[in-house]
Amino acid sequence: DRVRSSVTDVIPCDLSKDAVIPAELSLKPFDVMICSLVWDVVAVNAAQLEVVIRRCLAWLSPKGVLVVQGSLHEEWYTVGSALFPVLNIDKETLFSVFDKCGLKVEKWETRTKCSTHY
Protein backbone atom coordinates (compact mmCIF):
# COMPACT_ATOMS: atom_id res chain seq x y z
CA ASP A 1 0.00 0.00 0.00
CA ARG A 2 2.85 2.40 0.78
CA VAL A 3 4.37 1.98 -2.66
CA ARG A 4 1.01 2.15 -4.36
CA SER A 5 0.17 5.42 -2.64
CA SER A 6 3.61 6.84 -3.50
CA VAL A 7 3.21 6.37 -7.25
CA THR A 8 1.68 9.55 -8.59
CA ASP A 9 1.71 8.83 -12.31
CA VAL A 10 2.95 6.54 -15.05
CA ILE A 11 4.59 8.55 -17.81
CA PRO A 12 4.72 7.17 -21.35
CA CYS A 13 8.06 7.63 -23.08
CA ASP A 14 9.80 6.67 -26.31
CA LEU A 15 13.46 5.75 -25.88
CA SER A 16 13.91 5.40 -29.64
CA LYS A 17 13.76 9.23 -29.90
CA ASP A 18 15.99 11.98 -28.53
CA ALA A 19 12.86 13.67 -27.13
CA VAL A 20 12.00 10.76 -24.83
CA ILE A 21 9.17 12.61 -23.10
CA PRO A 22 7.18 15.34 -24.87
CA ALA A 23 8.41 18.80 -23.77
CA GLU A 24 4.85 20.03 -23.27
CA LEU A 25 4.56 17.80 -20.20
CA SER A 26 7.10 20.11 -18.45
CA LEU A 27 8.35 17.37 -16.14
CA LYS A 28 11.24 17.43 -13.69
CA PRO A 29 13.73 14.54 -13.40
CA PHE A 30 12.38 11.46 -11.67
CA ASP A 31 13.52 9.98 -8.35
CA VAL A 32 12.75 6.44 -9.51
CA MET A 33 12.60 4.98 -13.00
CA ILE A 34 11.62 1.39 -13.80
CA CYS A 35 12.78 -0.03 -17.13
CA SER A 36 11.43 -3.54 -17.55
CA LEU A 37 12.20 -5.32 -20.82
CA VAL A 38 12.67 -1.95 -22.49
CA TRP A 39 16.34 -1.34 -23.23
CA ASP A 40 16.89 -4.70 -24.87
CA VAL A 41 14.09 -4.20 -27.38
CA VAL A 42 14.93 -0.59 -28.27
CA ALA A 43 18.67 -1.24 -28.70
CA VAL A 44 20.03 -4.15 -30.71
CA ASN A 45 23.74 -3.53 -30.03
CA ALA A 46 25.96 -2.13 -27.26
CA ALA A 47 26.38 1.27 -28.95
CA GLN A 48 22.62 1.73 -29.23
CA LEU A 49 22.22 0.56 -25.64
CA GLU A 50 24.56 3.29 -24.44
CA VAL A 51 22.44 5.90 -26.27
CA VAL A 52 19.22 4.50 -24.78
CA ILE A 53 20.66 4.45 -21.24
CA ARG A 54 21.89 8.02 -21.58
CA ARG A 55 18.42 9.07 -22.71
CA CYS A 56 17.02 7.50 -19.53
CA LEU A 57 19.65 9.10 -17.35
CA ALA A 58 18.76 12.54 -18.69
CA TRP A 59 15.42 12.09 -16.88
CA LEU A 60 16.79 10.64 -13.64
CA SER A 61 17.44 12.98 -10.70
CA PRO A 62 21.08 13.06 -9.46
CA LYS A 63 20.30 10.79 -6.49
CA GLY A 64 17.64 8.83 -8.35
CA VAL A 65 17.31 5.07 -8.56
CA LEU A 66 17.02 3.13 -11.78
CA VAL A 67 15.43 -0.33 -11.58
CA VAL A 68 16.14 -2.43 -14.67
CA GLN A 69 14.98 -5.84 -15.82
CA GLY A 70 15.98 -7.37 -19.13
CA SER A 71 17.45 -10.40 -20.79
CA LEU A 72 20.90 -11.82 -21.48
CA HIS A 73 21.89 -13.96 -24.47
CA GLU A 74 18.58 -13.49 -26.28
CA GLU A 75 18.17 -12.89 -30.01
CA TRP A 76 14.40 -12.65 -30.51
CA TYR A 77 11.16 -12.10 -28.69
CA THR A 78 7.65 -12.80 -29.87
CA VAL A 79 4.33 -11.05 -29.64
CA GLY A 80 1.74 -13.50 -30.81
CA SER A 81 3.19 -14.93 -34.02
CA ALA A 82 5.40 -11.89 -34.78
CA LEU A 83 9.15 -12.18 -34.21
CA PHE A 84 11.26 -9.15 -33.18
CA PRO A 85 15.03 -8.72 -32.72
CA VAL A 86 16.31 -8.12 -29.21
CA LEU A 87 19.68 -7.08 -27.79
CA ASN A 88 21.90 -10.15 -27.57
CA ILE A 89 24.31 -9.17 -24.81
CA ASP A 90 26.37 -10.87 -22.13
CA LYS A 91 26.84 -9.65 -18.56
CA GLU A 92 30.40 -8.40 -19.15
CA THR A 93 29.41 -6.23 -22.12
CA LEU A 94 26.34 -4.97 -20.28
CA PHE A 95 28.45 -3.96 -17.26
CA SER A 96 30.93 -2.26 -19.61
CA VAL A 97 28.10 -0.12 -21.02
CA PHE A 98 26.90 0.62 -17.48
CA ASP A 99 30.42 1.76 -16.61
CA LYS A 100 30.62 4.04 -19.68
CA CYS A 101 27.33 5.62 -18.58
CA GLY A 102 28.53 6.12 -15.01
CA LEU A 103 26.08 3.62 -13.52
CA LYS A 104 26.80 1.72 -10.34
CA VAL A 105 25.08 -1.64 -9.90
CA GLU A 106 23.76 -1.81 -6.34
CA LYS A 107 22.14 -5.22 -6.67
CA TRP A 108 22.27 -7.86 -9.40
CA GLU A 109 20.03 -10.89 -9.67
CA THR A 110 19.84 -13.43 -12.46
CA ARG A 111 16.88 -15.71 -12.95
CA THR A 112 16.80 -18.57 -15.42
CA LYS A 113 13.55 -19.94 -16.79
CA CYS A 114 12.79 -20.09 -20.49
CA SER A 115 15.38 -17.35 -20.93
CA THR A 116 17.88 -15.53 -18.74
CA HIS A 117 16.74 -12.14 -17.44
CA TYR A 118 18.67 -9.51 -15.51
C-alpha atoms as a PDB file:
ATOM      1  CA  ASP A   1       0.000   0.000   0.000  1.00  0.00           C
ATOM      2  CA  ARG A   2       2.849   2.395   0.783  1.00  0.00           C
ATOM      3  CA  VAL A   3       4.374   1.983  -2.660  1.00  0.00           C
ATOM      4  CA  ARG A   4       1.007   2.147  -4.361  1.00  0.00           C
ATOM      5  CA  SER A   5       0.169   5.420  -2.638  1.00  0.00           C
ATOM      6  CA  SER A   6       3.615   6.835  -3.499  1.00  0.00           C
ATOM      7  CA  VAL A   7       3.212   6.370  -7.254  1.00  0.00           C
ATOM      8  CA  THR A   8       1.678   9.554  -8.589  1.00  0.00           C
ATOM      9  CA  ASP A   9       1.713   8.832 -12.309  1.00  0.00           C
ATOM     10  CA  VAL A  10       2.950   6.537 -15.052  1.00  0.00           C
ATOM     11  CA  ILE A  11       4.593   8.550 -17.809  1.00  0.00           C
ATOM     12  CA  PRO A  12       4.725   7.173 -21.353  1.00  0.00           C
ATOM     13  CA  CYS A  13       8.063   7.634 -23.084  1.00  0.00           C
ATOM     14  CA  ASP A  14       9.804   6.673 -26.308  1.00  0.00           C
ATOM     15  CA  LEU A  15      13.463   5.750 -25.879  1.00  0.00           C
ATOM     16  CA  SER A  16      13.909   5.403 -29.636  1.00  0.00           C
ATOM     17  CA  LYS A  17      13.759   9.226 -29.901  1.00  0.00           C
ATOM     18  CA  ASP A  18      15.988  11.983 -28.532  1.00  0.00           C
ATOM     19  CA  ALA A  19      12.863  13.669 -27.128  1.00  0.00           C
ATOM     20  CA  VAL A  20      11.997  10.755 -24.827  1.00  0.00           C
ATOM     21  CA  ILE A  21       9.169  12.605 -23.102  1.00  0.00           C
ATOM     22  CA  PRO A  22       7.183  15.345 -24.867  1.00  0.00           C
ATOM     23  CA  ALA A  23       8.411  18.804 -23.774  1.00  0.00           C
ATOM     24  CA  GLU A  24       4.850  20.034 -23.274  1.00  0.00           C
ATOM     25  CA  LEU A  25       4.556  17.802 -20.205  1.00  0.00           C
ATOM     26  CA  SER A  26       7.098  20.105 -18.449  1.00  0.00           C
ATOM     27  CA  LEU A  27       8.353  17.366 -16.141  1.00  0.00           C
ATOM     28  CA  LYS A  28      11.238  17.432 -13.690  1.00  0.00           C
ATOM     29  CA  PRO A  29      13.726  14.545 -13.404  1.00  0.00           C
ATOM     30  CA  PHE A  30      12.382  11.459 -11.665  1.00  0.00           C
ATOM     31  CA  ASP A  31      13.518   9.982  -8.347  1.00  0.00           C
ATOM     32  CA  VAL A  32      12.747   6.435  -9.515  1.00  0.00           C
ATOM     33  CA  MET A  33      12.604   4.975 -13.002  1.00  0.00           C
ATOM     34  CA  ILE A  34      11.621   1.389 -13.803  1.00  0.00           C
ATOM     35  CA  CYS A  35      12.782  -0.033 -17.134  1.00  0.00           C
ATOM     36  CA  SER A  36      11.433  -3.539 -17.549  1.00  0.00           C
ATOM     37  CA  LEU A  37      12.198  -5.324 -20.822  1.00  0.00           C
ATOM     38  CA  VAL A  38      12.667  -1.949 -22.494  1.00  0.00           C
ATOM     39  CA  TRP A  39      16.343  -1.338 -23.232  1.00  0.00           C
ATOM     40  CA  ASP A  40      16.891  -4.698 -24.870  1.00  0.00           C
ATOM     41  CA  VAL A  41      14.088  -4.197 -27.379  1.00  0.00           C
ATOM     42  CA  VAL A  42      14.935  -0.587 -28.269  1.00  0.00           C
ATOM     43  CA  ALA A  43      18.671  -1.241 -28.700  1.00  0.00           C
ATOM     44  CA  VAL A  44      20.030  -4.148 -30.710  1.00  0.00           C
ATOM     45  CA  ASN A  45      23.740  -3.533 -30.033  1.00  0.00           C
ATOM     46  CA  ALA A  46      25.956  -2.127 -27.260  1.00  0.00           C
ATOM     47  CA  ALA A  47      26.385   1.274 -28.946  1.00  0.00           C
ATOM     48  CA  GLN A  48      22.621   1.734 -29.232  1.00  0.00           C
ATOM     49  CA  LEU A  49      22.224   0.558 -25.638  1.00  0.00           C
ATOM     50  CA  GLU A  50      24.559   3.294 -24.438  1.00  0.00           C
ATOM     51  CA  VAL A  51      22.443   5.898 -26.274  1.00  0.00           C
ATOM     52  CA  VAL A  52      19.225   4.498 -24.778  1.00  0.00           C
ATOM     53  CA  ILE A  53      20.663   4.448 -21.240  1.00  0.00           C
ATOM     54  CA  ARG A  54      21.890   8.025 -21.577  1.00  0.00           C
ATOM     55  CA  ARG A  55      18.415   9.066 -22.711  1.00  0.00           C
ATOM     56  CA  CYS A  56      17.015   7.500 -19.532  1.00  0.00           C
ATOM     57  CA  LEU A  57      19.647   9.100 -17.348  1.00  0.00           C
ATOM     58  CA  ALA A  58      18.757  12.543 -18.689  1.00  0.00           C
ATOM     59  CA  TRP A  59      15.423  12.094 -16.883  1.00  0.00           C
ATOM     60  CA  LEU A  60      16.785  10.637 -13.635  1.00  0.00           C
ATOM     61  CA  SER A  61      17.444  12.978 -10.703  1.00  0.00           C
ATOM     62  CA  PRO A  62      21.079  13.059  -9.465  1.00  0.00           C
ATOM     63  CA  LYS A  63      20.299  10.795  -6.494  1.00  0.00           C
ATOM     64  CA  GLY A  64      17.640   8.830  -8.349  1.00  0.00           C
ATOM     65  CA  VAL A  65      17.312   5.072  -8.563  1.00  0.00           C
ATOM     66  CA  LEU A  66      17.024   3.133 -11.780  1.00  0.00           C
ATOM     67  CA  VAL A  67      15.426  -0.327 -11.578  1.00  0.00           C
ATOM     68  CA  VAL A  68      16.138  -2.429 -14.667  1.00  0.00           C
ATOM     69  CA  GLN A  69      14.984  -5.838 -15.816  1.00  0.00           C
ATOM     70  CA  GLY A  70      15.985  -7.367 -19.127  1.00  0.00           C
ATOM     71  CA  SER A  71      17.452 -10.401 -20.794  1.00  0.00           C
ATOM     72  CA  LEU A  72      20.904 -11.816 -21.479  1.00  0.00           C
ATOM     73  CA  HIS A  73      21.891 -13.962 -24.468  1.00  0.00           C
ATOM     74  CA  GLU A  74      18.581 -13.490 -26.279  1.00  0.00           C
ATOM     75  CA  GLU A  75      18.167 -12.887 -30.007  1.00  0.00           C
ATOM     76  CA  TRP A  76      14.401 -12.648 -30.514  1.00  0.00           C
ATOM     77  CA  TYR A  77      11.158 -12.100 -28.694  1.00  0.00           C
ATOM     78  CA  THR A  78       7.645 -12.796 -29.866  1.00  0.00           C
ATOM     79  CA  VAL A  79       4.330 -11.049 -29.640  1.00  0.00           C
ATOM     80  CA  GLY A  80       1.736 -13.504 -30.811  1.00  0.00           C
ATOM     81  CA  SER A  81       3.190 -14.932 -34.015  1.00  0.00           C
ATOM     82  CA  ALA A  82       5.397 -11.889 -34.775  1.00  0.00           C
ATOM     83  CA  LEU A  83       9.154 -12.184 -34.210  1.00  0.00           C
ATOM     84  CA  PHE A  84      11.264  -9.147 -33.179  1.00  0.00           C
ATOM     85  CA  PRO A  85      15.027  -8.722 -32.724  1.00  0.00           C
ATOM     86  CA  VAL A  86      16.310  -8.124 -29.212  1.00  0.00           C
ATOM     87  CA  LEU A  87      19.676  -7.078 -27.792  1.00  0.00           C
ATOM     88  CA  ASN A  88      21.895 -10.148 -27.571  1.00  0.00           C
ATOM     89  CA  ILE A  89      24.310  -9.175 -24.805  1.00  0.00           C
ATOM     90  CA  ASP A  90      26.369 -10.871 -22.129  1.00  0.00           C
ATOM     91  CA  LYS A  91      26.837  -9.654 -18.561  1.00  0.00           C
ATOM     92  CA  GLU A  92      30.402  -8.402 -19.147  1.00  0.00           C
ATOM     93  CA  THR A  93      29.407  -6.233 -22.116  1.00  0.00           C
ATOM     94  CA  LEU A  94      26.344  -4.970 -20.278  1.00  0.00           C
ATOM     95  CA  PHE A  95      28.449  -3.959 -17.262  1.00  0.00           C
ATOM     96  CA  SER A  96      30.926  -2.259 -19.605  1.00  0.00           C
ATOM     97  CA  VAL A  97      28.103  -0.115 -21.016  1.00  0.00           C
ATOM     98  CA  PHE A  98      26.902   0.622 -17.484  1.00  0.00           C
ATOM     99  CA  ASP A  99      30.421   1.764 -16.609  1.00  0.00           C
ATOM    100  CA  LYS A 100      30.618   4.039 -19.677  1.00  0.00           C
ATOM    101  CA  CYS A 101      27.334   5.620 -18.582  1.00  0.00           C
ATOM    102  CA  GLY A 102      28.525   6.119 -15.007  1.00  0.00           C
ATOM    103  CA  LEU A 103      26.080   3.615 -13.524  1.00  0.00           C
ATOM    104  CA  LYS A 104      26.801   1.716 -10.336  1.00  0.00           C
ATOM    105  CA  VAL A 105      25.081  -1.645  -9.904  1.00  0.00           C
ATOM    106  CA  GLU A 106      23.758  -1.805  -6.342  1.00  0.00           C
ATOM    107  CA  LYS A 107      22.138  -5.216  -6.665  1.00  0.00           C
ATOM    108  CA  TRP A 108      22.269  -7.863  -9.396  1.00  0.00           C
ATOM    109  CA  GLU A 109      20.029 -10.894  -9.669  1.00  0.00           C
ATOM    110  CA  THR A 110      19.838 -13.427 -12.457  1.00  0.00           C
ATOM    111  CA  ARG A 111      16.884 -15.712 -12.948  1.00  0.00           C
ATOM    112  CA  THR A 112      16.801 -18.572 -15.422  1.00  0.00           C
ATOM    113  CA  LYS A 113      13.551 -19.938 -16.786  1.00  0.00           C
ATOM    114  CA  CYS A 114      12.791 -20.087 -20.489  1.00  0.00           C
ATOM    115  CA  SER A 115      15.380 -17.353 -20.927  1.00  0.00           C
ATOM    116  CA  THR A 116      17.884 -15.532 -18.741  1.00  0.00           C
ATOM    117  CA  HIS A 117      16.741 -12.137 -17.441  1.00  0.00           C
ATOM    118  CA  TYR A 118      18.669  -9.508 -15.510  1.00  0.00           C
END
